[in-house]
Amino acid sequence: MKHFVAPSLLSADFGNLKSEMDMINRSECDWLHIDIMDGVFVPNISFGFPVLKYVARLCEKPLDVHLMIVQPEKFLNEVKALGAYSMNVHVEACPHLHRVVQQIKETGMKAGVTLNPATPVSSLTDIIEDVDIVMLMAVNPGFGGQTFIPHTLDKVRELRRMIDGSRSKALIEVDGGVNRDTGRLLVEAGADVLVAGSAVFHAADAIEEIRVLKNL
């Protein structure tokens, strides 16, 4: 299966948001990745639903919404109202993860779970067959432009074995420090979805950069 590319809105130029979304619409990317931060679960605040409603109107690509927040289940209706394709929550933020995954699926959205760099893949053993997407953070969440953590490649391989050895059809998504070089290694290790922020939005030619990432 050909891998997907999901540019991260966090790195976009918000002074030129319409032109950025026009670029996304014209590009070969598959999803638009949206990081929502609360300043509690992660040490930063990104953007809220008033801004995202505007983004949702402008963007023609499926929205991949990543909630880096405590109690993400409180915002199920707001995420669904955006027309989101998927809602991704952190294992570390959900003590009742199975319940939250089922609530996401009941809305019709794809259910994703995310692991921070220090959280082992083995924590997914009892949930892997219930989720649609597993996202591995290749940086510590909260800020864009960080350096890729190499151990992520081992986690992708381990997760690939777990999925292939079960009845799970979950996609493996990776977020953080993804560029042409790390992206190639991730795809070789078994990743299905590459989230790229700075590599796309800070490129001289963002559409060409997305094309290159799609064809790694």
N, C-alpha and C. Protein backbone atom coordinates (compact mmCIF):
# COMPACT_ATOMS: atom_id res chain seq x y z
N MET A 1 0.83 -1.20 0.00
CA MET A 1 0.00 0.00 0.00
C MET A 1 0.86 1.24 0.00
N LYS A 2 0.52 2.19 -0.82
CA LYS A 2 1.25 3.45 -0.85
C LYS A 2 0.97 4.24 0.43
N HIS A 3 2.00 4.84 0.97
CA HIS A 3 1.82 5.59 2.22
C HIS A 3 1.14 6.93 1.98
N PHE A 4 0.58 7.45 3.06
CA PHE A 4 -0.11 8.74 3.04
C PHE A 4 0.81 9.84 3.57
N VAL A 5 0.51 11.08 3.16
CA VAL A 5 1.22 12.25 3.68
C VAL A 5 0.19 13.22 4.26
N ALA A 6 0.46 13.68 5.49
CA ALA A 6 -0.46 14.58 6.19
C ALA A 6 0.31 15.80 6.70
N PRO A 7 0.34 16.89 5.92
CA PRO A 7 1.00 18.11 6.41
C PRO A 7 0.36 18.59 7.71
N SER A 8 1.19 19.12 8.60
CA SER A 8 0.72 19.55 9.91
C SER A 8 0.43 21.05 9.93
N LEU A 9 -0.82 21.38 10.23
CA LEU A 9 -1.27 22.78 10.26
C LEU A 9 -0.45 23.63 11.23
N LEU A 10 0.14 23.00 12.25
CA LEU A 10 0.88 23.73 13.27
C LEU A 10 2.01 24.58 12.67
N SER A 11 2.54 24.15 11.53
CA SER A 11 3.67 24.85 10.91
C SER A 11 3.24 25.83 9.82
N ALA A 12 1.94 25.96 9.58
CA ALA A 12 1.45 26.85 8.52
C ALA A 12 1.63 28.32 8.89
N ASP A 13 1.59 29.18 7.88
CA ASP A 13 1.64 30.63 8.08
C ASP A 13 0.22 31.12 8.32
N PHE A 14 -0.11 31.43 9.58
CA PHE A 14 -1.48 31.80 9.90
C PHE A 14 -1.83 33.21 9.44
N GLY A 15 -0.84 33.97 9.01
CA GLY A 15 -1.14 35.26 8.41
C GLY A 15 -1.60 35.13 6.98
N ASN A 16 -1.39 33.95 6.41
CA ASN A 16 -1.80 33.67 5.03
C ASN A 16 -2.51 32.32 4.97
N LEU A 17 -3.46 32.13 5.87
CA LEU A 17 -4.07 30.82 6.03
C LEU A 17 -4.83 30.38 4.79
N LYS A 18 -5.51 31.29 4.13
CA LYS A 18 -6.27 30.90 2.94
C LYS A 18 -5.33 30.40 1.84
N SER A 19 -4.22 31.09 1.63
CA SER A 19 -3.29 30.65 0.59
C SER A 19 -2.64 29.33 0.97
N GLU A 20 -2.40 29.12 2.27
CA GLU A 20 -1.85 27.84 2.72
C GLU A 20 -2.83 26.71 2.45
N MET A 21 -4.12 26.94 2.70
CA MET A 21 -5.12 25.91 2.43
C MET A 21 -5.32 25.70 0.93
N ASP A 22 -5.18 26.74 0.15
CA ASP A 22 -5.23 26.59 -1.31
C ASP A 22 -4.10 25.67 -1.78
N MET A 23 -2.92 25.85 -1.18
CA MET A 23 -1.78 24.99 -1.52
C MET A 23 -2.07 23.54 -1.15
N ILE A 24 -2.60 23.34 0.05
CA ILE A 24 -2.94 21.98 0.50
C ILE A 24 -3.94 21.33 -0.46
N ASN A 25 -4.94 22.08 -0.87
CA ASN A 25 -5.97 21.55 -1.76
C ASN A 25 -5.40 21.16 -3.12
N ARG A 26 -4.41 21.90 -3.60
CA ARG A 26 -3.81 21.63 -4.91
C ARG A 26 -2.75 20.53 -4.86
N SER A 27 -2.29 20.19 -3.67
CA SER A 27 -1.19 19.25 -3.51
C SER A 27 -1.67 17.80 -3.56
N GLU A 28 -0.70 16.89 -3.52
CA GLU A 28 -0.98 15.46 -3.52
C GLU A 28 -1.16 14.89 -2.11
N CYS A 29 -1.21 15.75 -1.10
CA CYS A 29 -1.33 15.23 0.26
C CYS A 29 -2.67 14.54 0.46
N ASP A 30 -2.72 13.68 1.46
CA ASP A 30 -3.92 12.86 1.70
C ASP A 30 -4.81 13.43 2.79
N TRP A 31 -4.20 13.91 3.87
CA TRP A 31 -4.94 14.47 5.00
C TRP A 31 -4.31 15.80 5.39
N LEU A 32 -5.04 16.59 6.17
CA LEU A 32 -4.46 17.72 6.88
C LEU A 32 -4.43 17.36 8.35
N HIS A 33 -3.23 17.38 8.94
CA HIS A 33 -3.06 17.01 10.34
C HIS A 33 -3.21 18.26 11.22
N ILE A 34 -4.04 18.14 12.25
CA ILE A 34 -4.35 19.29 13.12
C ILE A 34 -4.01 18.94 14.56
N ASP A 35 -3.07 19.68 15.15
CA ASP A 35 -2.66 19.46 16.53
C ASP A 35 -3.35 20.46 17.45
N ILE A 36 -4.18 19.96 18.34
CA ILE A 36 -4.84 20.81 19.33
C ILE A 36 -4.14 20.62 20.67
N MET A 37 -3.61 21.71 21.23
CA MET A 37 -2.85 21.66 22.48
C MET A 37 -3.52 22.52 23.54
N ASP A 38 -3.43 22.07 24.79
CA ASP A 38 -4.16 22.76 25.86
C ASP A 38 -3.28 23.47 26.88
N GLY A 39 -1.95 23.34 26.76
CA GLY A 39 -1.08 23.95 27.76
C GLY A 39 -1.06 23.20 29.08
N VAL A 40 -1.74 22.06 29.15
CA VAL A 40 -1.78 21.24 30.36
C VAL A 40 -1.11 19.89 30.07
N PHE A 41 -1.66 19.15 29.13
CA PHE A 41 -1.05 17.87 28.74
C PHE A 41 0.30 18.09 28.07
N VAL A 42 0.41 19.16 27.29
CA VAL A 42 1.68 19.55 26.67
C VAL A 42 1.96 21.01 27.03
N PRO A 43 3.24 21.42 27.01
CA PRO A 43 3.58 22.76 27.49
C PRO A 43 3.40 23.85 26.43
N ASN A 44 2.28 23.85 25.75
CA ASN A 44 2.03 24.86 24.73
C ASN A 44 0.53 24.89 24.45
N ILE A 45 0.07 25.96 23.82
CA ILE A 45 -1.32 26.09 23.38
C ILE A 45 -1.28 26.37 21.88
N SER A 46 -2.11 25.69 21.11
CA SER A 46 -2.09 25.90 19.66
C SER A 46 -3.29 26.73 19.22
N PHE A 47 -4.37 26.09 18.84
CA PHE A 47 -5.54 26.81 18.36
C PHE A 47 -6.80 26.07 18.78
N GLY A 48 -7.91 26.81 18.78
CA GLY A 48 -9.18 26.25 19.21
C GLY A 48 -10.17 26.10 18.08
N PHE A 49 -11.39 25.78 18.42
CA PHE A 49 -12.39 25.44 17.41
C PHE A 49 -12.86 26.62 16.56
N PRO A 50 -12.88 27.87 17.04
CA PRO A 50 -13.24 28.97 16.14
C PRO A 50 -12.32 29.07 14.92
N VAL A 51 -11.01 28.90 15.16
CA VAL A 51 -10.05 28.91 14.05
C VAL A 51 -10.25 27.67 13.17
N LEU A 52 -10.45 26.53 13.79
CA LEU A 52 -10.55 25.28 13.04
C LEU A 52 -11.81 25.20 12.19
N LYS A 53 -12.87 25.87 12.61
CA LYS A 53 -14.08 25.92 11.77
C LYS A 53 -13.77 26.62 10.45
N TYR A 54 -12.95 27.66 10.51
CA TYR A 54 -12.54 28.38 9.31
C TYR A 54 -11.65 27.48 8.44
N VAL A 55 -10.71 26.79 9.07
CA VAL A 55 -9.84 25.86 8.34
C VAL A 55 -10.66 24.78 7.66
N ALA A 56 -11.63 24.24 8.38
CA ALA A 56 -12.46 23.16 7.83
C ALA A 56 -13.24 23.63 6.60
N ARG A 57 -13.68 24.89 6.59
CA ARG A 57 -14.40 25.41 5.42
C ARG A 57 -13.47 25.55 4.21
N LEU A 58 -12.21 25.87 4.47
CA LEU A 58 -11.27 26.12 3.38
C LEU A 58 -10.62 24.84 2.85
N CYS A 59 -10.44 23.86 3.72
CA CYS A 59 -9.67 22.66 3.36
C CYS A 59 -10.56 21.59 2.73
N GLU A 60 -10.11 21.07 1.59
CA GLU A 60 -10.85 20.03 0.88
C GLU A 60 -10.34 18.62 1.21
N LYS A 61 -9.29 18.55 2.00
CA LYS A 61 -8.71 17.25 2.38
C LYS A 61 -9.32 16.76 3.69
N PRO A 62 -9.33 15.45 3.93
CA PRO A 62 -9.81 14.93 5.22
C PRO A 62 -8.98 15.49 6.37
N LEU A 63 -9.65 15.78 7.47
CA LEU A 63 -8.99 16.36 8.64
C LEU A 63 -8.63 15.26 9.63
N ASP A 64 -7.35 15.20 9.98
CA ASP A 64 -6.80 14.23 10.93
C ASP A 64 -6.53 15.01 12.21
N VAL A 65 -7.44 14.93 13.18
CA VAL A 65 -7.40 15.80 14.36
C VAL A 65 -6.73 15.08 15.53
N HIS A 66 -5.65 15.66 16.01
CA HIS A 66 -4.82 15.09 17.07
C HIS A 66 -4.98 15.94 18.33
N LEU A 67 -5.61 15.38 19.36
CA LEU A 67 -5.86 16.12 20.59
C LEU A 67 -4.78 15.85 21.62
N MET A 68 -3.89 16.82 21.78
CA MET A 68 -2.84 16.74 22.81
C MET A 68 -3.37 17.44 24.05
N ILE A 69 -4.44 16.87 24.62
CA ILE A 69 -5.13 17.54 25.72
C ILE A 69 -5.60 16.51 26.74
N VAL A 70 -5.87 16.99 27.96
CA VAL A 70 -6.49 16.13 28.96
C VAL A 70 -7.99 16.03 28.64
N GLN A 71 -8.57 14.93 29.00
CA GLN A 71 -10.01 14.68 28.79
C GLN A 71 -10.46 14.99 27.35
N PRO A 72 -9.82 14.41 26.36
CA PRO A 72 -10.18 14.70 24.97
C PRO A 72 -11.61 14.31 24.62
N GLU A 73 -12.17 13.34 25.35
CA GLU A 73 -13.53 12.89 25.06
C GLU A 73 -14.56 14.00 25.24
N LYS A 74 -14.22 15.04 26.00
CA LYS A 74 -15.15 16.16 26.20
C LYS A 74 -15.42 16.92 24.90
N PHE A 75 -14.55 16.73 23.90
CA PHE A 75 -14.67 17.51 22.68
C PHE A 75 -15.04 16.66 21.46
N LEU A 76 -15.62 15.49 21.72
CA LEU A 76 -16.06 14.62 20.63
C LEU A 76 -16.99 15.34 19.65
N ASN A 77 -17.97 16.03 20.18
CA ASN A 77 -18.97 16.68 19.31
C ASN A 77 -18.35 17.81 18.49
N GLU A 78 -17.43 18.55 19.12
CA GLU A 78 -16.79 19.66 18.40
C GLU A 78 -15.91 19.15 17.25
N VAL A 79 -15.18 18.07 17.51
CA VAL A 79 -14.32 17.50 16.47
C VAL A 79 -15.18 16.93 15.34
N LYS A 80 -16.24 16.22 15.71
CA LYS A 80 -17.15 15.68 14.70
C LYS A 80 -17.78 16.79 13.87
N ALA A 81 -18.13 17.91 14.51
CA ALA A 81 -18.77 19.03 13.81
C ALA A 81 -17.85 19.67 12.78
N LEU A 82 -16.54 19.49 12.93
CA LEU A 82 -15.60 19.99 11.93
C LEU A 82 -15.66 19.17 10.64
N GLY A 83 -16.29 18.00 10.73
CA GLY A 83 -16.29 17.09 9.59
C GLY A 83 -15.02 16.24 9.57
N ALA A 84 -14.39 16.08 10.74
CA ALA A 84 -13.11 15.38 10.82
C ALA A 84 -13.23 13.93 10.37
N TYR A 85 -12.19 13.48 9.69
CA TYR A 85 -12.08 12.08 9.27
C TYR A 85 -11.69 11.21 10.44
N SER A 86 -10.75 11.71 11.25
CA SER A 86 -10.24 10.92 12.36
C SER A 86 -10.01 11.79 13.58
N MET A 87 -10.13 11.17 14.76
CA MET A 87 -9.85 11.83 16.03
C MET A 87 -8.85 10.98 16.77
N ASN A 88 -7.72 11.59 17.10
CA ASN A 88 -6.61 10.88 17.69
C ASN A 88 -6.36 11.37 19.11
N VAL A 89 -6.34 10.45 20.08
CA VAL A 89 -6.16 10.80 21.49
C VAL A 89 -4.92 10.10 22.04
N HIS A 90 -4.36 10.67 23.09
CA HIS A 90 -3.16 10.09 23.69
C HIS A 90 -3.49 9.01 24.70
N VAL A 91 -2.76 7.90 24.60
CA VAL A 91 -2.88 6.83 25.59
C VAL A 91 -2.67 7.39 26.99
N GLU A 92 -1.70 8.30 27.12
CA GLU A 92 -1.32 8.83 28.43
C GLU A 92 -2.40 9.74 29.03
N ALA A 93 -3.29 10.26 28.19
CA ALA A 93 -4.33 11.19 28.65
C ALA A 93 -5.67 10.52 28.90
N CYS A 94 -5.76 9.22 28.61
CA CYS A 94 -7.06 8.52 28.68
C CYS A 94 -6.98 7.29 29.58
N PRO A 95 -7.30 7.43 30.86
CA PRO A 95 -7.29 6.26 31.74
C PRO A 95 -8.33 5.21 31.35
N HIS A 96 -9.38 5.66 30.62
CA HIS A 96 -10.41 4.72 30.14
C HIS A 96 -10.36 4.71 28.61
N LEU A 97 -9.23 4.27 28.09
CA LEU A 97 -8.96 4.38 26.65
C LEU A 97 -9.96 3.60 25.80
N HIS A 98 -10.30 2.40 26.21
CA HIS A 98 -11.24 1.59 25.43
C HIS A 98 -12.56 2.32 25.26
N ARG A 99 -13.06 2.92 26.33
CA ARG A 99 -14.32 3.66 26.27
C ARG A 99 -14.22 4.83 25.29
N VAL A 100 -13.12 5.57 25.36
CA VAL A 100 -12.95 6.73 24.47
C VAL A 100 -12.88 6.29 23.01
N VAL A 101 -12.16 5.22 22.75
CA VAL A 101 -12.06 4.70 21.37
C VAL A 101 -13.45 4.33 20.85
N GLN A 102 -14.24 3.68 21.66
CA GLN A 102 -15.60 3.31 21.23
C GLN A 102 -16.46 4.55 20.99
N GLN A 103 -16.30 5.57 21.83
CA GLN A 103 -17.07 6.81 21.66
C GLN A 103 -16.71 7.50 20.34
N ILE A 104 -15.43 7.49 20.01
CA ILE A 104 -15.01 8.08 18.74
C ILE A 104 -15.63 7.33 17.57
N LYS A 105 -15.57 6.02 17.63
CA LYS A 105 -16.09 5.20 16.53
C LYS A 105 -17.61 5.35 16.38
N GLU A 106 -18.29 5.56 17.48
CA GLU A 106 -19.75 5.73 17.44
C GLU A 106 -20.15 7.00 16.68
N THR A 107 -19.26 7.99 16.62
CA THR A 107 -19.56 9.22 15.87
C THR A 107 -19.39 9.03 14.36
N GLY A 108 -18.73 7.93 13.97
CA GLY A 108 -18.43 7.70 12.56
C GLY A 108 -17.02 8.11 12.16
N MET A 109 -16.29 8.71 13.10
CA MET A 109 -14.89 9.07 12.81
C MET A 109 -13.99 7.85 13.02
N LYS A 110 -12.83 7.85 12.37
CA LYS A 110 -11.81 6.85 12.63
C LYS A 110 -11.19 7.13 13.99
N ALA A 111 -10.93 6.07 14.75
CA ALA A 111 -10.38 6.22 16.10
C ALA A 111 -8.87 6.00 16.08
N GLY A 112 -8.15 7.02 16.53
CA GLY A 112 -6.70 6.93 16.59
C GLY A 112 -6.21 7.06 18.02
N VAL A 113 -5.10 6.38 18.32
CA VAL A 113 -4.45 6.54 19.61
C VAL A 113 -2.98 6.89 19.37
N THR A 114 -2.44 7.71 20.26
CA THR A 114 -1.07 8.21 20.11
C THR A 114 -0.22 7.81 21.30
N LEU A 115 1.04 7.47 21.01
CA LEU A 115 2.02 7.15 22.04
C LEU A 115 3.12 8.20 22.07
N ASN A 116 3.41 8.73 23.25
CA ASN A 116 4.57 9.59 23.43
C ASN A 116 5.86 8.78 23.28
N PRO A 117 7.00 9.45 23.08
CA PRO A 117 8.26 8.72 22.86
C PRO A 117 8.61 7.71 23.94
N ALA A 118 8.29 7.98 25.20
CA ALA A 118 8.67 7.06 26.30
C ALA A 118 7.62 6.01 26.60
N THR A 119 6.50 6.02 25.88
CA THR A 119 5.44 5.04 26.11
C THR A 119 5.65 3.83 25.21
N PRO A 120 5.73 2.63 25.77
CA PRO A 120 6.04 1.45 24.96
C PRO A 120 4.89 1.00 24.07
N VAL A 121 5.23 0.42 22.95
CA VAL A 121 4.24 -0.13 22.03
C VAL A 121 3.40 -1.20 22.72
N SER A 122 4.00 -1.93 23.66
CA SER A 122 3.29 -3.00 24.37
C SER A 122 2.05 -2.51 25.10
N SER A 123 1.96 -1.21 25.36
CA SER A 123 0.78 -0.66 26.05
C SER A 123 -0.48 -0.78 25.20
N LEU A 124 -0.31 -1.10 23.91
CA LEU A 124 -1.45 -1.21 23.00
C LEU A 124 -1.97 -2.63 22.84
N THR A 125 -1.35 -3.59 23.51
CA THR A 125 -1.69 -4.99 23.31
C THR A 125 -3.20 -5.25 23.41
N ASP A 126 -3.87 -4.67 24.38
CA ASP A 126 -5.28 -4.96 24.63
C ASP A 126 -6.24 -4.06 23.86
N ILE A 127 -5.71 -3.15 23.03
CA ILE A 127 -6.58 -2.22 22.30
C ILE A 127 -6.31 -2.23 20.80
N ILE A 128 -5.25 -2.90 20.36
CA ILE A 128 -4.79 -2.78 18.98
C ILE A 128 -5.86 -3.19 17.96
N GLU A 129 -6.70 -4.15 18.29
CA GLU A 129 -7.71 -4.61 17.33
C GLU A 129 -8.94 -3.70 17.30
N ASP A 130 -8.98 -2.71 18.18
CA ASP A 130 -10.13 -1.80 18.23
C ASP A 130 -9.86 -0.46 17.56
N VAL A 131 -8.59 -0.17 17.27
CA VAL A 131 -8.27 1.16 16.77
C VAL A 131 -8.03 1.15 15.26
N ASP A 132 -8.22 2.30 14.65
CA ASP A 132 -8.02 2.44 13.20
C ASP A 132 -6.65 3.01 12.86
N ILE A 133 -6.10 3.80 13.77
CA ILE A 133 -4.81 4.46 13.55
C ILE A 133 -4.02 4.42 14.86
N VAL A 134 -2.72 4.14 14.74
CA VAL A 134 -1.82 4.33 15.88
C VAL A 134 -0.77 5.33 15.45
N MET A 135 -0.64 6.41 16.21
CA MET A 135 0.36 7.41 15.89
C MET A 135 1.48 7.37 16.92
N LEU A 136 2.69 7.29 16.42
CA LEU A 136 3.87 7.33 17.27
C LEU A 136 4.48 8.72 17.20
N MET A 137 4.66 9.34 18.35
CA MET A 137 5.34 10.63 18.40
C MET A 137 6.85 10.40 18.28
N ALA A 138 7.45 11.04 17.30
CA ALA A 138 8.90 10.92 17.08
C ALA A 138 9.64 12.09 17.71
N VAL A 139 8.89 12.94 18.41
CA VAL A 139 9.44 14.03 19.24
C VAL A 139 8.56 14.10 20.48
N ASN A 140 9.01 14.84 21.49
CA ASN A 140 8.14 15.08 22.64
C ASN A 140 7.12 16.14 22.25
N PRO A 141 5.83 15.85 22.37
CA PRO A 141 4.80 16.72 21.83
C PRO A 141 4.73 18.08 22.51
N GLY A 142 4.32 19.08 21.73
CA GLY A 142 4.12 20.41 22.27
C GLY A 142 4.67 21.51 21.41
N PHE A 143 5.66 21.18 20.57
CA PHE A 143 6.28 22.21 19.73
C PHE A 143 6.63 21.63 18.37
N GLY A 144 6.55 22.47 17.33
CA GLY A 144 6.98 22.05 16.00
C GLY A 144 8.48 22.25 15.84
N GLY A 145 9.03 21.67 14.77
CA GLY A 145 10.42 21.90 14.42
C GLY A 145 11.45 21.16 15.25
N GLN A 146 11.05 20.12 15.99
CA GLN A 146 11.99 19.37 16.81
C GLN A 146 12.72 18.29 16.00
N THR A 147 13.81 17.79 16.60
CA THR A 147 14.62 16.77 15.95
C THR A 147 14.04 15.37 16.17
N PHE A 148 14.02 14.60 15.13
CA PHE A 148 13.51 13.23 15.13
C PHE A 148 14.26 12.35 16.13
N ILE A 149 13.51 11.58 16.91
CA ILE A 149 14.11 10.63 17.86
C ILE A 149 14.33 9.29 17.15
N PRO A 150 15.58 8.87 16.93
CA PRO A 150 15.87 7.69 16.11
C PRO A 150 15.19 6.40 16.59
N HIS A 151 15.02 6.25 17.92
CA HIS A 151 14.40 5.03 18.46
C HIS A 151 13.00 4.80 17.91
N THR A 152 12.40 5.85 17.35
CA THR A 152 11.05 5.71 16.77
C THR A 152 11.03 4.62 15.70
N LEU A 153 12.12 4.46 14.97
CA LEU A 153 12.17 3.45 13.91
C LEU A 153 11.98 2.05 14.49
N ASP A 154 12.60 1.78 15.64
CA ASP A 154 12.41 0.48 16.30
C ASP A 154 10.96 0.30 16.73
N LYS A 155 10.34 1.39 17.21
CA LYS A 155 8.94 1.31 17.64
C LYS A 155 8.02 1.05 16.46
N VAL A 156 8.31 1.65 15.30
CA VAL A 156 7.51 1.39 14.10
C VAL A 156 7.60 -0.09 13.73
N ARG A 157 8.80 -0.64 13.76
CA ARG A 157 8.97 -2.06 13.40
C ARG A 157 8.23 -2.96 14.39
N GLU A 158 8.33 -2.64 15.67
CA GLU A 158 7.63 -3.43 16.70
C GLU A 158 6.12 -3.34 16.52
N LEU A 159 5.63 -2.13 16.25
CA LEU A 159 4.20 -1.94 16.04
C LEU A 159 3.73 -2.65 14.78
N ARG A 160 4.55 -2.63 13.74
CA ARG A 160 4.21 -3.34 12.50
C ARG A 160 4.03 -4.83 12.77
N ARG A 161 4.94 -5.39 13.57
CA ARG A 161 4.84 -6.82 13.91
C ARG A 161 3.57 -7.10 14.72
N MET A 162 3.26 -6.19 15.66
CA MET A 162 2.06 -6.37 16.48
C MET A 162 0.80 -6.36 15.62
N ILE A 163 0.71 -5.40 14.71
CA ILE A 163 -0.48 -5.29 13.85
C ILE A 163 -0.59 -6.49 12.91
N ASP A 164 0.54 -6.85 12.28
CA ASP A 164 0.52 -7.96 11.33
C ASP A 164 0.25 -9.30 12.01
N GLY A 165 0.55 -9.38 13.31
CA GLY A 165 0.33 -10.62 14.05
C GLY A 165 -1.04 -10.68 14.71
N SER A 166 -1.88 -9.69 14.44
CA SER A 166 -3.23 -9.65 15.02
C SER A 166 -4.26 -9.48 13.91
N ARG A 167 -5.50 -9.27 14.31
CA ARG A 167 -6.55 -9.00 13.32
C ARG A 167 -6.73 -7.50 13.08
N SER A 168 -5.81 -6.72 13.61
CA SER A 168 -5.88 -5.27 13.46
C SER A 168 -5.59 -4.83 12.04
N LYS A 169 -6.30 -3.79 11.61
CA LYS A 169 -6.04 -3.17 10.31
C LYS A 169 -5.56 -1.73 10.51
N ALA A 170 -5.05 -1.44 11.71
CA ALA A 170 -4.65 -0.08 12.05
C ALA A 170 -3.51 0.42 11.16
N LEU A 171 -3.61 1.69 10.79
CA LEU A 171 -2.53 2.36 10.08
C LEU A 171 -1.52 2.88 11.10
N ILE A 172 -0.24 2.86 10.72
CA ILE A 172 0.82 3.41 11.56
C ILE A 172 1.15 4.81 11.07
N GLU A 173 0.93 5.78 11.93
CA GLU A 173 1.19 7.18 11.61
C GLU A 173 2.36 7.66 12.47
N VAL A 174 3.21 8.52 11.92
CA VAL A 174 4.34 9.05 12.69
C VAL A 174 4.35 10.56 12.57
N ASP A 175 4.52 11.22 13.73
CA ASP A 175 4.48 12.68 13.80
C ASP A 175 5.72 13.18 14.54
N GLY A 176 6.44 14.12 13.91
CA GLY A 176 7.57 14.75 14.57
C GLY A 176 8.89 14.52 13.86
N GLY A 177 9.50 15.60 13.39
CA GLY A 177 10.82 15.49 12.75
C GLY A 177 10.82 14.75 11.43
N VAL A 178 9.66 14.67 10.78
CA VAL A 178 9.57 13.93 9.52
C VAL A 178 9.99 14.82 8.35
N ASN A 179 10.94 14.34 7.56
CA ASN A 179 11.39 15.02 6.35
C ASN A 179 11.75 13.96 5.31
N ARG A 180 12.40 14.36 4.24
CA ARG A 180 12.73 13.38 3.19
C ARG A 180 13.56 12.22 3.74
N ASP A 181 14.53 12.52 4.57
CA ASP A 181 15.45 11.49 5.06
C ASP A 181 14.79 10.57 6.07
N THR A 182 14.20 11.16 7.11
CA THR A 182 13.54 10.33 8.13
C THR A 182 12.30 9.66 7.56
N GLY A 183 11.62 10.34 6.65
CA GLY A 183 10.42 9.77 6.03
C GLY A 183 10.73 8.48 5.28
N ARG A 184 11.83 8.47 4.55
CA ARG A 184 12.21 7.26 3.81
C ARG A 184 12.47 6.10 4.77
N LEU A 185 13.16 6.38 5.86
CA LEU A 185 13.44 5.33 6.85
C LEU A 185 12.16 4.83 7.50
N LEU A 186 11.23 5.73 7.76
CA LEU A 186 9.97 5.34 8.39
C LEU A 186 9.13 4.45 7.48
N VAL A 187 9.06 4.81 6.21
CA VAL A 187 8.32 3.99 5.25
C VAL A 187 8.94 2.60 5.14
N GLU A 188 10.27 2.55 5.10
CA GLU A 188 10.96 1.26 5.04
C GLU A 188 10.68 0.42 6.29
N ALA A 189 10.51 1.09 7.43
CA ALA A 189 10.25 0.38 8.69
C ALA A 189 8.81 -0.09 8.82
N GLY A 190 7.90 0.47 7.97
CA GLY A 190 6.51 0.01 8.00
C GLY A 190 5.47 1.06 8.27
N ALA A 191 5.86 2.34 8.28
CA ALA A 191 4.89 3.41 8.53
C ALA A 191 3.95 3.59 7.34
N ASP A 192 2.69 3.92 7.63
CA ASP A 192 1.66 4.13 6.61
C ASP A 192 1.36 5.61 6.36
N VAL A 193 1.56 6.45 7.37
CA VAL A 193 1.19 7.87 7.29
C VAL A 193 2.33 8.71 7.84
N LEU A 194 2.79 9.68 7.04
CA LEU A 194 3.84 10.60 7.47
C LEU A 194 3.23 11.96 7.74
N VAL A 195 3.37 12.43 8.98
CA VAL A 195 2.94 13.79 9.33
C VAL A 195 4.17 14.69 9.21
N ALA A 196 4.09 15.71 8.37
CA ALA A 196 5.23 16.60 8.15
C ALA A 196 4.79 18.04 8.29
N GLY A 197 5.43 18.77 9.19
CA GLY A 197 5.08 20.16 9.42
C GLY A 197 6.07 21.11 8.79
N SER A 198 7.18 21.33 9.48
CA SER A 198 8.19 22.27 8.99
C SER A 198 8.72 21.87 7.62
N ALA A 199 8.91 20.57 7.40
CA ALA A 199 9.46 20.11 6.13
C ALA A 199 8.60 20.54 4.94
N VAL A 200 7.29 20.64 5.16
CA VAL A 200 6.38 21.06 4.08
C VAL A 200 6.21 22.57 4.05
N PHE A 201 5.74 23.13 5.16
CA PHE A 201 5.33 24.53 5.15
C PHE A 201 6.51 25.51 5.10
N HIS A 202 7.71 25.05 5.48
CA HIS A 202 8.89 25.91 5.41
C HIS A 202 9.73 25.63 4.17
N ALA A 203 9.25 24.75 3.30
CA ALA A 203 9.99 24.43 2.07
C ALA A 203 9.85 25.56 1.06
N ALA A 204 10.84 25.67 0.17
CA ALA A 204 10.79 26.67 -0.90
C ALA A 204 9.60 26.42 -1.81
N ASP A 205 9.27 25.14 -2.03
CA ASP A 205 8.13 24.74 -2.87
C ASP A 205 7.39 23.63 -2.12
N ALA A 206 6.35 24.02 -1.38
CA ALA A 206 5.65 23.07 -0.51
C ALA A 206 4.98 21.95 -1.31
N ILE A 207 4.41 22.29 -2.46
CA ILE A 207 3.73 21.27 -3.27
C ILE A 207 4.71 20.23 -3.76
N GLU A 208 5.91 20.67 -4.15
CA GLU A 208 6.94 19.74 -4.59
C GLU A 208 7.43 18.89 -3.42
N GLU A 209 7.53 19.50 -2.25
CA GLU A 209 7.99 18.74 -1.08
C GLU A 209 6.98 17.65 -0.74
N ILE A 210 5.70 17.94 -0.82
CA ILE A 210 4.67 16.93 -0.58
C ILE A 210 4.77 15.82 -1.62
N ARG A 211 5.01 16.20 -2.88
CA ARG A 211 5.15 15.19 -3.94
C ARG A 211 6.30 14.26 -3.65
N VAL A 212 7.43 14.82 -3.21
CA VAL A 212 8.61 14.00 -2.88
C VAL A 212 8.29 13.06 -1.72
N LEU A 213 7.65 13.57 -0.67
CA LEU A 213 7.30 12.73 0.47
C LEU A 213 6.34 11.62 0.08
N LYS A 214 5.44 11.90 -0.84
CA LYS A 214 4.48 10.88 -1.31
C LYS A 214 5.18 9.76 -2.06
N ASN A 215 6.31 10.08 -2.66
CA ASN A 215 6.97 9.11 -3.55
C ASN A 215 8.25 8.54 -2.98
N LEU A 216 8.41 8.62 -1.67
CA LEU A 216 9.59 8.03 -1.03
C LEU A 216 9.60 6.53 -1.21
